[in-house]
C-alpha atoms as a PDB file:
ATOM      1  CA  MET A   1       1.813  22.845  -7.811  1.00  0.00           C
ATOM      2  CA  LEU A   2       0.026  24.357  -4.857  1.00  0.00           C
ATOM      3  CA  THR A   3      -1.877  27.586  -5.155  1.00  0.00           C
ATOM      4  CA  TYR A   4      -1.276  27.957  -1.425  1.00  0.00           C
ATOM      5  CA  GLN A   5       1.802  29.904  -0.263  1.00  0.00           C
ATOM      6  CA  PRO A   6       2.835  29.513   3.390  1.00  0.00           C
ATOM      7  CA  ASN A   7       3.245  32.579   5.559  1.00  0.00           C
ATOM      8  CA  ALA A   8       6.750  32.545   7.065  1.00  0.00           C
ATOM      9  CA  SER A   9       5.446  33.952  10.341  1.00  0.00           C
ATOM     10  CA  SER A  10       2.760  31.279  10.803  1.00  0.00           C
ATOM     11  CA  ASN A  11       3.336  28.680  13.500  1.00  0.00           C
ATOM     12  CA  LYS A  12       3.599  24.966  12.794  1.00  0.00           C
ATOM     13  CA  ALA A  13      -0.026  24.158  13.658  1.00  0.00           C
ATOM     14  CA  GLU A  14      -1.323  26.883  11.330  1.00  0.00           C
ATOM     15  CA  ILE A  15       0.914  25.829   8.433  1.00  0.00           C
ATOM     16  CA  PHE A  16       0.145  22.130   8.954  1.00  0.00           C
ATOM     17  CA  ASN A  17      -3.623  22.677   9.029  1.00  0.00           C
ATOM     18  CA  GLU A  18      -3.537  25.033   6.017  1.00  0.00           C
ATOM     19  CA  VAL A  19      -1.454  22.649   3.891  1.00  0.00           C
ATOM     20  CA  LYS A  20      -3.517  19.607   4.921  1.00  0.00           C
ATOM     21  CA  SER A  21      -6.752  21.446   4.102  1.00  0.00           C
ATOM     22  CA  HIS A  22      -5.367  22.541   0.732  1.00  0.00           C
ATOM     23  CA  ILE A  23      -4.174  19.016  -0.146  1.00  0.00           C
ATOM     24  CA  GLU A  24      -7.594  17.612   0.769  1.00  0.00           C
ATOM     25  CA  SER A  25      -9.310  20.330  -1.305  1.00  0.00           C
ATOM     26  CA  LEU A  26      -7.345  18.980  -4.304  1.00  0.00           C
ATOM     27  CA  GLY A  27      -9.083  15.628  -3.723  1.00  0.00           C
ATOM     28  CA  PHE A  28      -6.219  13.792  -2.016  1.00  0.00           C
ATOM     29  CA  ALA A  29      -6.930  11.625   1.042  1.00  0.00           C
ATOM     30  CA  VAL A  30      -4.447  11.948   3.906  1.00  0.00           C
ATOM     31  CA  VAL A  31      -4.024   8.446   5.386  1.00  0.00           C
ATOM     32  CA  ASP A  32      -1.277   9.251   7.893  1.00  0.00           C
ATOM     33  CA  GLN A  33       0.337  12.359   9.291  1.00  0.00           C
ATOM     34  CA  ASP A  34       2.945  13.482  11.758  1.00  0.00           C
ATOM     35  CA  ASP A  35       3.158  17.057  12.948  1.00  0.00           C
ATOM     36  CA  THR A  36       5.510  16.216  15.830  1.00  0.00           C
ATOM     37  CA  ARG A  37       8.737  16.032  13.808  1.00  0.00           C
ATOM     38  CA  PRO A  38      11.267  18.534  15.172  1.00  0.00           C
ATOM     39  CA  TRP A  39      12.027  19.730  11.619  1.00  0.00           C
ATOM     40  CA  GLY A  40       8.383  20.150  10.580  1.00  0.00           C
ATOM     41  CA  ALA A  41       5.734  17.641   9.531  1.00  0.00           C
ATOM     42  CA  PHE A  42       4.551  15.247   6.856  1.00  0.00           C
ATOM     43  CA  LEU A  43       1.327  14.033   5.292  1.00  0.00           C
ATOM     44  CA  VAL A  44       1.025  10.588   3.716  1.00  0.00           C
ATOM     45  CA  ILE A  45      -1.362  10.477   0.764  1.00  0.00           C
ATOM     46  CA  ASP A  46      -3.439   7.371  -0.023  1.00  0.00           C
ATOM     47  CA  PRO A  47      -1.156   5.176  -2.185  1.00  0.00           C
ATOM     48  CA  ASN A  48      -4.193   4.312  -4.328  1.00  0.00           C
ATOM     49  CA  GLN A  49      -4.077   7.951  -5.486  1.00  0.00           C
ATOM     50  CA  ILE A  50      -0.497   7.728  -6.784  1.00  0.00           C
ATOM     51  CA  GLU A  51      -1.504   8.233 -10.425  1.00  0.00           C
ATOM     52  CA  ALA A  52      -3.454  11.419  -9.623  1.00  0.00           C
ATOM     53  CA  PHE A  53      -0.657  12.624  -7.307  1.00  0.00           C
ATOM     54  CA  GLN A  54       1.980  11.957  -9.973  1.00  0.00           C
ATOM     55  CA  LYS A  55      -0.093  13.735 -12.620  1.00  0.00           C
ATOM     56  CA  HIS A  56      -0.735  16.757 -10.377  1.00  0.00           C
ATOM     57  CA  PHE A  57       2.751  17.243  -8.911  1.00  0.00           C
ATOM     58  CA  PHE A  58       5.105  15.288 -11.215  1.00  0.00           C
ATOM     59  CA  GLY A  59       3.480  15.542 -14.645  1.00  0.00           C
ATOM     60  CA  GLU A  60       6.844  15.445 -16.411  1.00  0.00           C
ATOM     61  CA  VAL A  61       7.727  12.067 -14.862  1.00  0.00           C
ATOM     62  CA  THR A  62       6.572   8.745 -16.268  1.00  0.00           C
ATOM     63  CA  LEU A  63       6.047   6.042 -13.653  1.00  0.00           C
ATOM     64  CA  SER A  64       5.346   2.419 -14.504  1.00  0.00           C
ATOM     65  CA  PHE A  65       2.283   1.664 -12.418  1.00  0.00           C
ATOM     66  CA  ASP A  66       2.079  -1.959 -13.588  1.00  0.00           C
ATOM     67  CA  SER A  67       5.699  -2.794 -12.766  1.00  0.00           C
ATOM     68  CA  GLU A  68       7.254  -4.579  -9.811  1.00  0.00           C
ATOM     69  CA  LEU A  69       7.852  -1.181  -8.200  1.00  0.00           C
ATOM     70  CA  SER A  70       5.379   0.467  -5.870  1.00  0.00           C
ATOM     71  CA  TYR A  71       5.035   4.103  -4.906  1.00  0.00           C
ATOM     72  CA  SER A  72       4.105   6.143  -1.851  1.00  0.00           C
ATOM     73  CA  PRO A  73       3.115   9.824  -2.149  1.00  0.00           C
ATOM     74  CA  LYS A  74       3.839  12.297   0.661  1.00  0.00           C
ATOM     75  CA  ILE A  75       3.941  15.995   1.419  1.00  0.00           C
ATOM     76  CA  LEU A  76       6.831  17.296   3.553  1.00  0.00           C
ATOM     77  CA  LEU A  77       6.702  20.579   5.463  1.00  0.00           C
ATOM     78  CA  VAL A  78      10.111  21.864   6.535  1.00  0.00           C
ATOM     79  CA  ALA A  79      10.198  24.654   9.114  1.00  0.00           C
ATOM     80  CA  PRO A  80      12.301  27.796   8.732  1.00  0.00           C
ATOM     81  CA  THR A  81      15.994  27.140   9.576  1.00  0.00           C
ATOM     82  CA  GLN A  82      15.339  23.461  10.416  1.00  0.00           C
ATOM     83  CA  LYS A  83      16.665  20.430   8.579  1.00  0.00           C
ATOM     84  CA  LEU A  84      16.028  16.740   8.245  1.00  0.00           C
ATOM     85  CA  SER A  85      18.792  14.315   9.105  1.00  0.00           C
ATOM     86  CA  TRP A  86      21.688  13.642   6.708  1.00  0.00           C
ATOM     87  CA  GLN A  87      20.368  10.266   5.556  1.00  0.00           C
ATOM     88  CA  TYR A  88      19.944   7.598   2.924  1.00  0.00           C
ATOM     89  CA  HIS A  89      17.735   4.563   2.278  1.00  0.00           C
ATOM     90  CA  TYR A  90      18.326   0.925   1.302  1.00  0.00           C
ATOM     91  CA  ARG A  91      14.873   0.189  -0.140  1.00  0.00           C
ATOM     92  CA  ARG A  92      13.782   3.323  -1.964  1.00  0.00           C
ATOM     93  CA  SER A  93      14.691   6.098  -4.313  1.00  0.00           C
ATOM     94  CA  GLU A  94      12.773   9.360  -4.105  1.00  0.00           C
ATOM     95  CA  LEU A  95      11.343  12.125  -6.256  1.00  0.00           C
ATOM     96  CA  TRP A  96      11.019  15.588  -4.711  1.00  0.00           C
ATOM     97  CA  LYS A  97       9.519  18.809  -5.929  1.00  0.00           C
ATOM     98  CA  LEU A  98       9.287  22.131  -4.085  1.00  0.00           C
ATOM     99  CA  VAL A  99       5.632  23.126  -4.505  1.00  0.00           C
ATOM    100  CA  ALA A 100       5.340  26.074  -2.104  1.00  0.00           C
ATOM    101  CA  GLY A 101       7.601  28.274  -0.018  1.00  0.00           C
ATOM    102  CA  GLU A 102      11.350  27.797  -0.005  1.00  0.00           C
ATOM    103  CA  ALA A 103      13.842  25.066   0.859  1.00  0.00           C
ATOM    104  CA  ALA A 104      17.311  23.777   0.052  1.00  0.00           C
ATOM    105  CA  ILE A 105      18.816  20.345  -0.474  1.00  0.00           C
ATOM    106  CA  ALA A 106      22.215  18.854   0.269  1.00  0.00           C
ATOM    107  CA  ARG A 107      23.111  15.611  -1.511  1.00  0.00           C
ATOM    108  CA  SER A 108      26.073  13.334  -2.127  1.00  0.00           C
ATOM    109  CA  MET A 109      26.829   9.762  -3.154  1.00  0.00           C
ATOM    110  CA  ASP A 110      29.088   9.329  -0.106  1.00  0.00           C
ATOM    111  CA  ASP A 111      28.868  10.222   3.580  1.00  0.00           C
ATOM    112  CA  THR A 112      30.417  13.681   3.127  1.00  0.00           C
ATOM    113  CA  GLU A 113      27.677  16.290   3.278  1.00  0.00           C
ATOM    114  CA  SER A 114      27.845  18.706   0.369  1.00  0.00           C
ATOM    115  CA  GLU A 115      26.963  22.378   0.280  1.00  0.00           C
ATOM    116  CA  ALA A 116      23.225  22.939   0.081  1.00  0.00           C
ATOM    117  CA  ASP A 117      21.589  24.137  -3.122  1.00  0.00           C
ATOM    118  CA  LYS A 118      18.446  26.205  -3.042  1.00  0.00           C
ATOM    119  CA  MET A 119      15.561  24.253  -4.543  1.00  0.00           C
ATOM    120  CA  GLU A 120      13.788  25.818  -7.500  1.00  0.00           C
ATOM    121  CA  MET A 121       9.998  26.024  -7.448  1.00  0.00           C
ATOM    122  CA  ASP A 122       8.641  23.048  -9.433  1.00  0.00           C
ATOM    123  CA  GLY A 123      12.178  21.785 -10.137  1.00  0.00           C
ATOM    124  CA  LEU A 124      12.386  17.998 -10.165  1.00  0.00           C
ATOM    125  CA  VAL A 125      14.868  16.330  -7.790  1.00  0.00           C
ATOM    126  CA  LYS A 126      15.622  12.638  -8.348  1.00  0.00           C
ATOM    127  CA  LEU A 127      17.371  10.931  -5.415  1.00  0.00           C
ATOM    128  CA  ALA A 128      18.899   7.545  -6.169  1.00  0.00           C
ATOM    129  CA  GLN A 129      18.625   4.583  -3.817  1.00  0.00           C
ATOM    130  CA  GLY A 130      21.504   5.019  -1.336  1.00  0.00           C
ATOM    131  CA  GLU A 131      22.132   8.671  -2.231  1.00  0.00           C
ATOM    132  CA  ARG A 132      22.777  10.786   0.862  1.00  0.00           C
ATOM    133  CA  HIS A 133      20.465  13.767   1.208  1.00  0.00           C
ATOM    134  CA  ARG A 134      18.983  16.352   3.533  1.00  0.00           C
ATOM    135  CA  LEU A 135      16.052  18.756   3.149  1.00  0.00           C
ATOM    136  CA  ILE A 136      16.799  22.155   4.693  1.00  0.00           C
ATOM    137  CA  GLY A 137      14.432  24.953   5.681  1.00  0.00           C
ATOM    138  CA  LEU A 138      15.462  28.473   4.746  1.00  0.00           C
ATOM    139  CA  ASP A 139      13.905  31.729   6.015  1.00  0.00           C
ATOM    140  CA  GLY A 140      10.344  30.545   5.447  1.00  0.00           C
ATOM    141  CA  TRP A 141       8.377  27.298   5.402  1.00  0.00           C
ATOM    142  CA  GLY A 142       8.950  24.888   2.527  1.00  0.00           C
ATOM    143  CA  VAL A 143       6.403  22.429   1.143  1.00  0.00           C
ATOM    144  CA  VAL A 144       7.785  19.502  -0.866  1.00  0.00           C
ATOM    145  CA  ALA A 145       5.813  16.874  -2.777  1.00  0.00           C
ATOM    146  CA  GLU A 146       7.572  13.523  -2.524  1.00  0.00           C
ATOM    147  CA  ILE A 147       7.180  10.092  -4.089  1.00  0.00           C
ATOM    148  CA  TRP A 148       8.899   7.090  -2.568  1.00  0.00           C
ATOM    149  CA  VAL A 149       9.827   4.594  -5.263  1.00  0.00           C
ATOM    150  CA  HIS A 150      10.045   1.268  -3.437  1.00  0.00           C
ATOM    151  CA  THR A 151      12.906  -0.740  -4.937  1.00  0.00           C
ATOM    152  CA  ASP A 152      12.183  -3.992  -3.074  1.00  0.00           C
ATOM    153  CA  PRO A 153       8.623  -5.144  -3.817  1.00  0.00           C
ATOM    154  CA  LYS A 154       8.826  -7.861  -1.155  1.00  0.00           C
ATOM    155  CA  GLN A 155       9.800  -5.382   1.561  1.00  0.00           C
ATOM    156  CA  PRO A 156       8.599  -1.839   0.767  1.00  0.00           C
ATOM    157  CA  SER A 157      10.440   1.018   2.413  1.00  0.00           C
ATOM    158  CA  ASP A 158       9.012   2.657   5.509  1.00  0.00           C
ATOM    159  CA  GLU A 159      10.184   5.104   8.178  1.00  0.00           C
ATOM    160  CA  SER A 160      12.535   2.420   9.548  1.00  0.00           C
ATOM    161  CA  ASP A 161      14.462   2.538   6.240  1.00  0.00           C
ATOM    162  CA  ILE A 162      16.253   5.731   7.265  1.00  0.00           C
ATOM    163  CA  VAL A 163      19.992   5.478   7.839  1.00  0.00           C
ATOM    164  CA  ARG A 164      20.892   8.664   9.700  1.00  0.00           C
ATOM    165  CA  LEU A 165      24.498   9.770   9.331  1.00  0.00           C
ATOM    166  CA  GLN A 166      23.970  13.050  11.223  1.00  0.00           C
ATOM    167  CA  ASP A 167      20.953  14.470  12.994  1.00  0.00           C
ATOM    168  CA  ASP A 168      20.518  17.793  14.804  1.00  0.00           C
ATOM    169  CA  TYR A 169      17.898  16.193  17.064  1.00  0.00           C
ATOM    170  CA  SER A 170      19.987  13.197  18.279  1.00  0.00           C
ATOM    171  CA  ARG A 171      17.742  10.618  16.603  1.00  0.00           C
ATOM    172  CA  LYS A 172      19.200   7.283  15.501  1.00  0.00           C
END
């Protein structure tokens, strides 16, 4: 949970800097970031902090930290009225939780995009490996905590493990 609530009228740079500062004030180290995404931005948290991240944002979820699986924590910022691509992944499942603001999610087990459902604050979303999904911004900014659960320990998922079925920004 974030004690920070984004201001819908703030611009991307303000929101990004405020969220990053808040995440760092919680003791999390940002090891990568991208504020150039057309739909918003993301922050990658140090994977060595996965247990603290899981405890803080996903306390109701039990992860096996000594298993063959590995995990990558992130924070997504989705801009008002923007949306990520309709996508899926071969090498990861995902956990999402809306931690500030507002957002919606569309999901399906096939290529047909479903109607979007508004995400509930602190409601857990489990996305299976291969499940089609899309994060959607509503009237204000949305901040989503995310954990990538890498399903192939020999080849962990990365940004190249995105199969885009539809994209408003003409990305492949």
